[in-house]
Amino acid sequence: MWMTNNITANFQNHYRITNKFANYKGKINVELFNSELFEQIALITYNDNVVQGNTQQEVITQRFHYIEGEVISQVPYCVVKEAKRVLICGTLNIQIAYFFALNNIEVDMVVGDNEALYTLSGFFPHFKEVIENPKIHIYDNFLSLENPKYDIIIHLGHIKTHEFNALSKMVNKDFAIIMRLSNLYLEPSIALNALSIAKDFGNILMPFIIPSFMCGFYAFLSKTLHPLADLQLQKSDMLENMQFYNSNLHTSMFRLPSVINRMISPYVKN
C-alpha cells in the first residue's frame, strides 16, 4: 500500500497496532510495529520522494507480504514472452525480487538505502534467500547498474518525467513497465498526473487494481505488449505455489469500476 500522509491514530486503529519496536532513520525511514491482525507492519518513508507536498510512504504487512510480490512480478512475467532481466526500484519490497528469481530471471534492485533494507531482515520471510541469491543484485543507486537493458521494469515510487526519459533508454523492444499509482478514489489528481506523463512513453497504458484488504492501484505500460491480449496462459496456468495470483485474477484486475474508467479514459491507451 502507498500512502502520502504521516502516521496517525487512524493508521494505528486500522492496523490494530499494539506497539512500535524498531525505528530506523536515514535516506529512507523504516518503522516496524506489532499488529493484532497482520503480525508486523512496516511503515517505510522515502524522504527524497515528494510529490505535491506529500512524502511517499509505503505500508507492507508481514501476514500478507506475498500479495503485492506475486501480482507485481507475475503480471509482467506472464505477458513478456522471454523475460531475462528485471529492474526493481522505488520500493524495499524484496518479495518482488524473490518471485522473479523463482522464474529463473536475473533481477537488479535499486534500494537507495541498504541500512533501511537490512532493518527488514526479520520482516520478510525470504530475506536471506534474496540476499544470497546469485540471480538477485542489490544496488544503492542507479549509477552502479551494470546492465543497460531490461525486459521488465518495476517502479513503485513517484515517477517523474526525467525518470521516464531515463527508463525508456534502459528497456528492450518488447518491454513492460509496472508503475504504482496513488489511490484513484482518494488522490485522483496525483494518479492522473502520473498517467498523463506515462502515456507519452508507450502505446499501451492500462491501470489495474489489486483487490485485497488494501486496494492497490498500478499501471501497465508498454510499446508493444498488451496485458490481456498477450497474456500467456501456458505460463500463468502453470505457476506453482501461488497464494494469490492466478490467470482469472490477472484479467479481472484490469476490469475497473465505471467511475474509475470514466476518470482515466483520457489517459488509457489500449
C-alpha atoms as a PDB file:
ATOM      1  CA  MET A   1       0.000   0.000   0.000  1.00  0.00           C
ATOM      2  CA  TRP A   2       1.199   3.508  -0.870  1.00  0.00           C
ATOM      3  CA  MET A   3       0.323   6.457   1.351  1.00  0.00           C
ATOM      4  CA  THR A   4       1.139  10.162   1.347  1.00  0.00           C
ATOM      5  CA  ASN A   5       0.197  11.016   4.933  1.00  0.00           C
ATOM      6  CA  ASN A   6       2.085  10.773   8.200  1.00  0.00           C
ATOM      7  CA  ILE A   7       1.248   8.067  10.726  1.00  0.00           C
ATOM      8  CA  THR A   8      -1.921   8.917  12.645  1.00  0.00           C
ATOM      9  CA  ALA A   9      -4.291   7.411  15.170  1.00  0.00           C
ATOM     10  CA  ASN A  10      -6.357   6.179  12.219  1.00  0.00           C
ATOM     11  CA  PHE A  11      -3.351   4.207  10.975  1.00  0.00           C
ATOM     12  CA  GLN A  12      -2.887   2.634  14.401  1.00  0.00           C
ATOM     13  CA  ASN A  13      -6.560   1.724  14.688  1.00  0.00           C
ATOM     14  CA  HIS A  14      -6.863   0.415  11.130  1.00  0.00           C
ATOM     15  CA  TYR A  15      -3.950  -1.992  11.519  1.00  0.00           C
ATOM     16  CA  ARG A  16      -4.605  -2.782  15.205  1.00  0.00           C
ATOM     17  CA  ILE A  17      -1.132  -1.574  16.177  1.00  0.00           C
ATOM     18  CA  THR A  18      -0.043  -2.675  19.653  1.00  0.00           C
ATOM     19  CA  ASN A  19       3.452  -1.178  19.806  1.00  0.00           C
ATOM     20  CA  LYS A  20       6.403   0.109  17.783  1.00  0.00           C
ATOM     21  CA  PHE A  21       9.547  -1.999  18.219  1.00  0.00           C
ATOM     22  CA  ALA A  22      12.016  -0.638  15.650  1.00  0.00           C
ATOM     23  CA  ASN A  23      12.752   2.760  14.140  1.00  0.00           C
ATOM     24  CA  TYR A  24      15.486   3.436  11.553  1.00  0.00           C
ATOM     25  CA  LYS A  25      16.108   6.939  10.180  1.00  0.00           C
ATOM     26  CA  GLY A  26      18.190   7.605   7.078  1.00  0.00           C
ATOM     27  CA  LYS A  27      17.579   8.396   3.419  1.00  0.00           C
ATOM     28  CA  ILE A  28      14.639   6.058   3.933  1.00  0.00           C
ATOM     29  CA  ASN A  29      12.913   5.771   7.319  1.00  0.00           C
ATOM     30  CA  VAL A  30      11.627   2.396   8.489  1.00  0.00           C
ATOM     31  CA  GLU A  31       9.213   1.962  11.392  1.00  0.00           C
ATOM     32  CA  LEU A  32       8.187  -1.529  12.497  1.00  0.00           C
ATOM     33  CA  PHE A  33       5.066  -2.228  14.527  1.00  0.00           C
ATOM     34  CA  ASN A  34       3.403  -5.255  16.029  1.00  0.00           C
ATOM     35  CA  SER A  35      -0.204  -5.728  14.936  1.00  0.00           C
ATOM     36  CA  GLU A  36      -3.077  -7.805  16.262  1.00  0.00           C
ATOM     37  CA  LEU A  37      -4.232  -8.571  12.697  1.00  0.00           C
ATOM     38  CA  PHE A  38      -1.137  -8.505  10.485  1.00  0.00           C
ATOM     39  CA  GLU A  39       1.696  -9.855  12.691  1.00  0.00           C
ATOM     40  CA  GLN A  40       4.085  -6.990  11.880  1.00  0.00           C
ATOM     41  CA  ILE A  41       3.608  -3.764   9.906  1.00  0.00           C
ATOM     42  CA  ALA A  42       6.413  -1.926   8.110  1.00  0.00           C
ATOM     43  CA  LEU A  43       5.865   1.793   7.508  1.00  0.00           C
ATOM     44  CA  ILE A  44       8.516   3.000   5.053  1.00  0.00           C
ATOM     45  CA  THR A  45       9.034   6.715   4.344  1.00  0.00           C
ATOM     46  CA  TYR A  46      11.023   7.812   1.281  1.00  0.00           C
ATOM     47  CA  ASN A  47      12.403  11.178   2.327  1.00  0.00           C
ATOM     48  CA  ASP A  48      13.684  12.165  -1.118  1.00  0.00           C
ATOM     49  CA  ASN A  49      10.460  11.341  -2.972  1.00  0.00           C
ATOM     50  CA  VAL A  50       7.944  14.149  -2.556  1.00  0.00           C
ATOM     51  CA  VAL A  51       5.052  14.992  -4.883  1.00  0.00           C
ATOM     52  CA  GLN A  52       2.541  17.802  -4.433  1.00  0.00           C
ATOM     53  CA  GLY A  53       3.912  18.439  -0.945  1.00  0.00           C
ATOM     54  CA  ASN A  54       3.457  14.836   0.225  1.00  0.00           C
ATOM     55  CA  THR A  55       6.207  12.384   1.096  1.00  0.00           C
ATOM     56  CA  GLN A  56       5.838   8.876  -0.282  1.00  0.00           C
ATOM     57  CA  GLN A  57       5.075   6.246   2.341  1.00  0.00           C
ATOM     58  CA  GLU A  58       4.778   2.513   1.781  1.00  0.00           C
ATOM     59  CA  VAL A  59       2.960   0.110   4.096  1.00  0.00           C
ATOM     60  CA  ILE A  60       3.771  -3.610   3.975  1.00  0.00           C
ATOM     61  CA  THR A  61       2.094  -6.197   6.184  1.00  0.00           C
ATOM     62  CA  GLN A  62       4.032  -9.264   7.246  1.00  0.00           C
ATOM     63  CA  ARG A  63       0.975 -11.513   7.150  1.00  0.00           C
ATOM     64  CA  PHE A  64       0.104 -10.683   3.528  1.00  0.00           C
ATOM     65  CA  HIS A  65       3.534  -9.750   2.164  1.00  0.00           C
ATOM     66  CA  TYR A  66       3.047 -12.155  -0.748  1.00  0.00           C
ATOM     67  CA  ILE A  67       0.083 -10.333  -2.349  1.00  0.00           C
ATOM     68  CA  GLU A  68       1.949  -7.454  -3.963  1.00  0.00           C
ATOM     69  CA  GLY A  69       5.031  -9.599  -4.563  1.00  0.00           C
ATOM     70  CA  GLU A  70       3.084 -12.189  -6.552  1.00  0.00           C
ATOM     71  CA  VAL A  71       0.972  -9.779  -8.579  1.00  0.00           C
ATOM     72  CA  ILE A  72       3.649  -7.238  -9.454  1.00  0.00           C
ATOM     73  CA  SER A  73       6.041  -9.975 -10.567  1.00  0.00           C
ATOM     74  CA  GLN A  74       3.649 -12.376 -12.296  1.00  0.00           C
ATOM     75  CA  VAL A  75       1.595  -9.852 -14.304  1.00  0.00           C
ATOM     76  CA  PRO A  76       4.573  -8.770 -16.464  1.00  0.00           C
ATOM     77  CA  TYR A  77       6.231 -12.218 -16.330  1.00  0.00           C
ATOM     78  CA  CYS A  78       3.134 -13.832 -17.852  1.00  0.00           C
ATOM     79  CA  VAL A  79       2.939 -11.179 -20.607  1.00  0.00           C
ATOM     80  CA  VAL A  80       6.561 -10.700 -21.677  1.00  0.00           C
ATOM     81  CA  LYS A  81       7.416 -13.718 -23.797  1.00  0.00           C
ATOM     82  CA  GLU A  82      11.056 -14.289 -22.838  1.00  0.00           C
ATOM     83  CA  ALA A  83      11.970 -12.031 -19.929  1.00  0.00           C
ATOM     84  CA  LYS A  84      15.589 -12.410 -18.910  1.00  0.00           C
ATOM     85  CA  ARG A  85      16.329  -9.376 -16.754  1.00  0.00           C
ATOM     86  CA  VAL A  86      14.269  -7.146 -14.458  1.00  0.00           C
ATOM     87  CA  LEU A  87      14.901  -3.810 -12.764  1.00  0.00           C
ATOM     88  CA  ILE A  88      13.082  -3.017  -9.495  1.00  0.00           C
ATOM     89  CA  CYS A  89      13.153   0.406  -7.859  1.00  0.00           C
ATOM     90  CA  GLY A  90      11.061   2.697  -5.673  1.00  0.00           C
ATOM     91  CA  THR A  91      10.362   0.039  -3.054  1.00  0.00           C
ATOM     92  CA  LEU A  92      12.019  -2.051  -0.339  1.00  0.00           C
ATOM     93  CA  ASN A  93       9.650  -4.956  -1.014  1.00  0.00           C
ATOM     94  CA  ILE A  94      12.245  -7.619  -1.865  1.00  0.00           C
ATOM     95  CA  GLN A  95       9.494 -10.237  -2.126  1.00  0.00           C
ATOM     96  CA  ILE A  96       9.006  -8.957  -5.684  1.00  0.00           C
ATOM     97  CA  ALA A  97      12.605  -9.887  -6.488  1.00  0.00           C
ATOM     98  CA  TYR A  98      12.107 -13.253  -4.810  1.00  0.00           C
ATOM     99  CA  PHE A  99       9.186 -14.198  -7.076  1.00  0.00           C
ATOM    100  CA  PHE A 100      11.016 -13.113 -10.215  1.00  0.00           C
ATOM    101  CA  ALA A 101      14.015 -15.229  -9.236  1.00  0.00           C
ATOM    102  CA  LEU A 102      11.729 -18.248  -8.812  1.00  0.00           C
ATOM    103  CA  ASN A 103      11.107 -17.910 -12.557  1.00  0.00           C
ATOM    104  CA  ASN A 104      14.858 -18.009 -13.232  1.00  0.00           C
ATOM    105  CA  ILE A 105      15.067 -14.294 -14.090  1.00  0.00           C
ATOM    106  CA  GLU A 106      18.017 -12.035 -13.271  1.00  0.00           C
ATOM    107  CA  VAL A 107      16.989  -9.153 -11.018  1.00  0.00           C
ATOM    108  CA  ASP A 108      18.665  -5.798 -10.382  1.00  0.00           C
ATOM    109  CA  MET A 109      17.147  -3.919  -7.448  1.00  0.00           C
ATOM    110  CA  VAL A 110      17.991  -0.307  -6.558  1.00  0.00           C
ATOM    111  CA  VAL A 111      17.113   0.306  -2.909  1.00  0.00           C
ATOM    112  CA  GLY A 112      18.661   3.720  -2.163  1.00  0.00           C
ATOM    113  CA  ASP A 113      19.498   2.897   1.467  1.00  0.00           C
ATOM    114  CA  ASN A 114      20.977  -0.509   2.299  1.00  0.00           C
ATOM    115  CA  GLU A 115      20.696   0.052   6.054  1.00  0.00           C
ATOM    116  CA  ALA A 116      16.966   0.643   5.673  1.00  0.00           C
ATOM    117  CA  LEU A 117      16.669  -2.588   3.694  1.00  0.00           C
ATOM    118  CA  TYR A 118      18.504  -4.611   6.348  1.00  0.00           C
ATOM    119  CA  THR A 119      16.177  -3.224   9.011  1.00  0.00           C
ATOM    120  CA  LEU A 120      13.613  -5.514   7.344  1.00  0.00           C
ATOM    121  CA  SER A 121      15.787  -8.650   7.613  1.00  0.00           C
ATOM    122  CA  GLY A 122      13.453 -10.189  10.191  1.00  0.00           C
ATOM    123  CA  PHE A 123      10.309  -8.927   8.496  1.00  0.00           C
ATOM    124  CA  PHE A 124      10.432 -10.668   5.109  1.00  0.00           C
ATOM    125  CA  PRO A 125      10.369 -14.483   5.318  1.00  0.00           C
ATOM    126  CA  HIS A 126      12.691 -14.899   2.321  1.00  0.00           C
ATOM    127  CA  PHE A 127      15.108 -12.079   3.150  1.00  0.00           C
ATOM    128  CA  LYS A 128      18.186 -14.282   3.467  1.00  0.00           C
ATOM    129  CA  GLU A 129      17.290 -16.210   0.303  1.00  0.00           C
ATOM    130  CA  VAL A 130      17.033 -12.970  -1.658  1.00  0.00           C
ATOM    131  CA  ILE A 131      20.291 -11.501  -0.362  1.00  0.00           C
ATOM    132  CA  GLU A 132      22.200 -14.713  -1.051  1.00  0.00           C
ATOM    133  CA  ASN A 133      20.567 -15.493  -4.411  1.00  0.00           C
ATOM    134  CA  PRO A 134      23.158 -15.125  -7.221  1.00  0.00           C
ATOM    135  CA  LYS A 135      20.390 -14.028  -9.597  1.00  0.00           C
ATOM    136  CA  ILE A 136      19.446 -11.026  -7.446  1.00  0.00           C
ATOM    137  CA  HIS A 137      21.733  -7.993  -7.358  1.00  0.00           C
ATOM    138  CA  ILE A 138      21.149  -5.196  -4.837  1.00  0.00           C
ATOM    139  CA  TYR A 139      22.385  -1.696  -5.727  1.00  0.00           C
ATOM    140  CA  ASP A 140      22.493   1.511  -3.716  1.00  0.00           C
ATOM    141  CA  ASN A 141      21.954   3.775  -6.745  1.00  0.00           C
ATOM    142  CA  PHE A 142      21.291   3.743 -10.487  1.00  0.00           C
ATOM    143  CA  LEU A 143      24.860   4.739 -11.385  1.00  0.00           C
ATOM    144  CA  SER A 144      26.056   1.359 -10.101  1.00  0.00           C
ATOM    145  CA  LEU A 145      23.901  -0.638 -12.524  1.00  0.00           C
ATOM    146  CA  GLU A 146      25.962  -2.773 -14.869  1.00  0.00           C
ATOM    147  CA  ASN A 147      23.254  -3.980 -17.269  1.00  0.00           C
ATOM    148  CA  PRO A 148      21.842  -1.266 -19.559  1.00  0.00           C
ATOM    149  CA  LYS A 149      18.767  -3.099 -20.933  1.00  0.00           C
ATOM    150  CA  TYR A 150      15.775  -4.691 -19.211  1.00  0.00           C
ATOM    151  CA  ASP A 151      12.713  -6.638 -20.329  1.00  0.00           C
ATOM    152  CA  ILE A 152      10.678  -5.620 -17.284  1.00  0.00           C
ATOM    153  CA  ILE A 153      10.947  -2.568 -15.042  1.00  0.00           C
ATOM    154  CA  ILE A 154       9.078  -2.265 -11.751  1.00  0.00           C
ATOM    155  CA  HIS A 155       8.990   1.322 -10.442  1.00  0.00           C
ATOM    156  CA  LEU A 156       6.872   1.681  -7.314  1.00  0.00           C
ATOM    157  CA  GLY A 157       7.808   5.252  -6.382  1.00  0.00           C
ATOM    158  CA  HIS A 158       6.596   8.594  -7.654  1.00  0.00           C
ATOM    159  CA  ILE A 159       7.934   8.544 -11.243  1.00  0.00           C
ATOM    160  CA  LYS A 160       8.908  11.933 -12.606  1.00  0.00           C
ATOM    161  CA  THR A 161       9.275  12.914 -16.268  1.00  0.00           C
ATOM    162  CA  HIS A 162      13.077  12.765 -16.266  1.00  0.00           C
ATOM    163  CA  GLU A 163      12.908   9.278 -14.746  1.00  0.00           C
ATOM    164  CA  PHE A 164      10.639   8.108 -17.573  1.00  0.00           C
ATOM    165  CA  ASN A 165      13.149   9.525 -20.028  1.00  0.00           C
ATOM    166  CA  ALA A 166      15.934   7.554 -18.358  1.00  0.00           C
ATOM    167  CA  LEU A 167      13.917   4.332 -18.048  1.00  0.00           C
ATOM    168  CA  SER A 168      12.855   4.474 -21.704  1.00  0.00           C
ATOM    169  CA  LYS A 169      16.532   4.160 -22.644  1.00  0.00           C
ATOM    170  CA  MET A 170      17.005   1.109 -20.402  1.00  0.00           C
ATOM    171  CA  VAL A 171      14.406  -1.223 -21.930  1.00  0.00           C
ATOM    172  CA  ASN A 172      14.443  -3.758 -24.726  1.00  0.00           C
ATOM    173  CA  LYS A 173      11.968  -3.557 -27.618  1.00  0.00           C
ATOM    174  CA  ASP A 174       9.216  -5.736 -26.108  1.00  0.00           C
ATOM    175  CA  PHE A 175       9.259  -4.345 -22.584  1.00  0.00           C
ATOM    176  CA  ALA A 176       6.754  -3.941 -19.780  1.00  0.00           C
ATOM    177  CA  ILE A 177       6.867  -1.314 -17.050  1.00  0.00           C
ATOM    178  CA  ILE A 178       4.746  -1.648 -13.910  1.00  0.00           C
ATOM    179  CA  MET A 179       4.255   1.596 -12.002  1.00  0.00           C
ATOM    180  CA  ARG A 180       2.378   2.301  -8.796  1.00  0.00           C
ATOM    181  CA  LEU A 181      -0.404   4.878  -8.798  1.00  0.00           C
ATOM    182  CA  SER A 182      -1.813   6.882  -5.940  1.00  0.00           C
ATOM    183  CA  ASN A 183      -5.313   5.879  -4.852  1.00  0.00           C
ATOM    184  CA  LEU A 184      -7.649   6.932  -7.675  1.00  0.00           C
ATOM    185  CA  TYR A 185     -10.527   7.335  -5.213  1.00  0.00           C
ATOM    186  CA  LEU A 186      -8.678   9.411  -2.619  1.00  0.00           C
ATOM    187  CA  GLU A 187      -5.905  11.193  -4.559  1.00  0.00           C
ATOM    188  CA  PRO A 188      -7.073  11.244  -8.198  1.00  0.00           C
ATOM    189  CA  SER A 189      -5.086  14.328  -9.205  1.00  0.00           C
ATOM    190  CA  ILE A 190      -1.752  12.704  -8.255  1.00  0.00           C
ATOM    191  CA  ALA A 191      -2.629   9.434 -10.014  1.00  0.00           C
ATOM    192  CA  LEU A 192      -3.889  11.158 -13.172  1.00  0.00           C
ATOM    193  CA  ASN A 193      -0.786  13.333 -13.335  1.00  0.00           C
ATOM    194  CA  ALA A 194       1.365  10.186 -13.317  1.00  0.00           C
ATOM    195  CA  LEU A 195      -0.761   8.656 -16.097  1.00  0.00           C
ATOM    196  CA  SER A 196      -0.523  11.879 -18.093  1.00  0.00           C
ATOM    197  CA  ILE A 197       3.275  11.659 -18.003  1.00  0.00           C
ATOM    198  CA  ALA A 198       3.384   7.898 -18.658  1.00  0.00           C
ATOM    199  CA  LYS A 199       1.181   7.960 -21.775  1.00  0.00           C
ATOM    200  CA  ASP A 200       3.941   9.650 -23.784  1.00  0.00           C
ATOM    201  CA  PHE A 201       6.283   6.691 -23.271  1.00  0.00           C
ATOM    202  CA  GLY A 202       4.236   3.796 -24.625  1.00  0.00           C
ATOM    203  CA  ASN A 203       1.466   2.740 -26.986  1.00  0.00           C
ATOM    204  CA  ILE A 204      -0.315   0.732 -24.270  1.00  0.00           C
ATOM    205  CA  LEU A 205      -1.114   2.150 -20.841  1.00  0.00           C
ATOM    206  CA  MET A 206      -3.651   0.325 -18.667  1.00  0.00           C
ATOM    207  CA  PRO A 207      -4.255   0.866 -14.937  1.00  0.00           C
ATOM    208  CA  PHE A 208      -5.215  -2.084 -12.743  1.00  0.00           C
ATOM    209  CA  ILE A 209      -6.206  -2.729  -9.139  1.00  0.00           C
ATOM    210  CA  ILE A 210      -5.065  -5.421  -6.720  1.00  0.00           C
ATOM    211  CA  PRO A 211      -8.332  -6.381  -4.988  1.00  0.00           C
ATOM    212  CA  SER A 212      -7.328  -7.192  -1.445  1.00  0.00           C
ATOM    213  CA  PHE A 213      -7.944  -5.767   2.028  1.00  0.00           C
ATOM    214  CA  MET A 214      -5.797  -2.823   0.889  1.00  0.00           C
ATOM    215  CA  CYS A 215      -6.807  -1.614  -2.586  1.00  0.00           C
ATOM    216  CA  GLY A 216      -3.582  -1.069  -4.558  1.00  0.00           C
ATOM    217  CA  PHE A 217      -3.546   0.925  -7.807  1.00  0.00           C
ATOM    218  CA  TYR A 218      -0.959   0.314 -10.538  1.00  0.00           C
ATOM    219  CA  ALA A 219      -0.469   0.730 -14.289  1.00  0.00           C
ATOM    220  CA  PHE A 220       0.957  -1.453 -17.058  1.00  0.00           C
ATOM    221  CA  LEU A 221       2.992   0.424 -19.696  1.00  0.00           C
ATOM    222  CA  SER A 222       4.469  -0.951 -22.928  1.00  0.00           C
ATOM    223  CA  LYS A 223       5.055  -0.067 -26.569  1.00  0.00           C
ATOM    224  CA  THR A 224       4.178  -3.485 -27.993  1.00  0.00           C
ATOM    225  CA  LEU A 225       2.618  -5.714 -25.302  1.00  0.00           C
ATOM    226  CA  HIS A 226      -0.992  -5.789 -24.106  1.00  0.00           C
ATOM    227  CA  PRO A 227      -1.549  -7.103 -20.542  1.00  0.00           C
ATOM    228  CA  LEU A 228      -4.660  -9.058 -21.625  1.00  0.00           C
ATOM    229  CA  ALA A 229      -4.231  -9.893 -25.307  1.00  0.00           C
ATOM    230  CA  ASP A 230      -0.642 -11.018 -24.757  1.00  0.00           C
ATOM    231  CA  LEU A 231      -1.272 -12.948 -21.539  1.00  0.00           C
ATOM    232  CA  GLN A 232       0.426 -16.331 -21.949  1.00  0.00           C
ATOM    233  CA  LEU A 233      -1.852 -18.861 -20.295  1.00  0.00           C
ATOM    234  CA  GLN A 234       0.783 -21.563 -20.692  1.00  0.00           C
ATOM    235  CA  LYS A 235       2.742 -19.546 -18.128  1.00  0.00           C
ATOM    236  CA  SER A 236       0.039 -18.244 -15.827  1.00  0.00           C
ATOM    237  CA  ASP A 237      -1.861 -21.534 -15.613  1.00  0.00           C
ATOM    238  CA  MET A 238       1.290 -23.496 -14.799  1.00  0.00           C
ATOM    239  CA  LEU A 239       2.559 -21.362 -11.920  1.00  0.00           C
ATOM    240  CA  GLU A 240       3.028 -23.293  -8.701  1.00  0.00           C
ATOM    241  CA  ASN A 241       2.838 -22.289  -5.048  1.00  0.00           C
ATOM    242  CA  MET A 242       0.971 -19.035  -5.674  1.00  0.00           C
ATOM    243  CA  GLN A 243      -1.228 -17.948  -2.766  1.00  0.00           C
ATOM    244  CA  PHE A 244      -2.914 -15.024  -4.533  1.00  0.00           C
ATOM    245  CA  TYR A 245      -2.151 -14.625  -8.246  1.00  0.00           C
ATOM    246  CA  ASN A 246      -3.887 -16.715 -10.926  1.00  0.00           C
ATOM    247  CA  SER A 247      -4.947 -16.318 -14.574  1.00  0.00           C
ATOM    248  CA  ASN A 248      -8.520 -15.274 -13.809  1.00  0.00           C
ATOM    249  CA  LEU A 249      -7.363 -12.712 -11.285  1.00  0.00           C
ATOM    250  CA  HIS A 250      -4.870 -11.347 -13.829  1.00  0.00           C
ATOM    251  CA  THR A 251      -7.628 -10.467 -16.288  1.00  0.00           C
ATOM    252  CA  SER A 252     -10.105  -9.259 -13.672  1.00  0.00           C
ATOM    253  CA  MET A 253      -7.661  -6.735 -12.185  1.00  0.00           C
ATOM    254  CA  PHE A 254      -7.858  -4.704 -15.403  1.00  0.00           C
ATOM    255  CA  ARG A 255     -11.693  -4.545 -15.231  1.00  0.00           C
ATOM    256  CA  LEU A 256     -12.187  -1.334 -13.313  1.00  0.00           C
ATOM    257  CA  PRO A 257     -15.267   0.289 -11.739  1.00  0.00           C
ATOM    258  CA  SER A 258     -17.184   2.615 -14.050  1.00  0.00           C
ATOM    259  CA  VAL A 259     -16.349   5.712 -12.019  1.00  0.00           C
ATOM    260  CA  ILE A 260     -12.639   4.925 -12.357  1.00  0.00           C
ATOM    261  CA  ASN A 261     -12.963   4.114 -16.069  1.00  0.00           C
ATOM    262  CA  ARG A 262     -14.524   7.499 -16.735  1.00  0.00           C
ATOM    263  CA  MET A 263     -11.813   9.221 -14.755  1.00  0.00           C
ATOM    264  CA  ILE A 264      -8.879   7.552 -16.533  1.00  0.00           C
ATOM    265  CA  SER A 265     -10.338   7.370 -20.061  1.00  0.00           C
ATOM    266  CA  PRO A 266      -8.340  10.375 -21.391  1.00  0.00           C
ATOM    267  CA  TYR A 267      -5.093   8.652 -20.417  1.00  0.00           C
ATOM    268  CA  VAL A 268      -5.690   4.962 -21.144  1.00  0.00           C
ATOM    269  CA  LYS A 269      -4.094   3.573 -24.305  1.00  0.00           C
ATOM    270  CA  ASN A 270      -5.076   0.010 -25.252  1.00  0.00           C
END
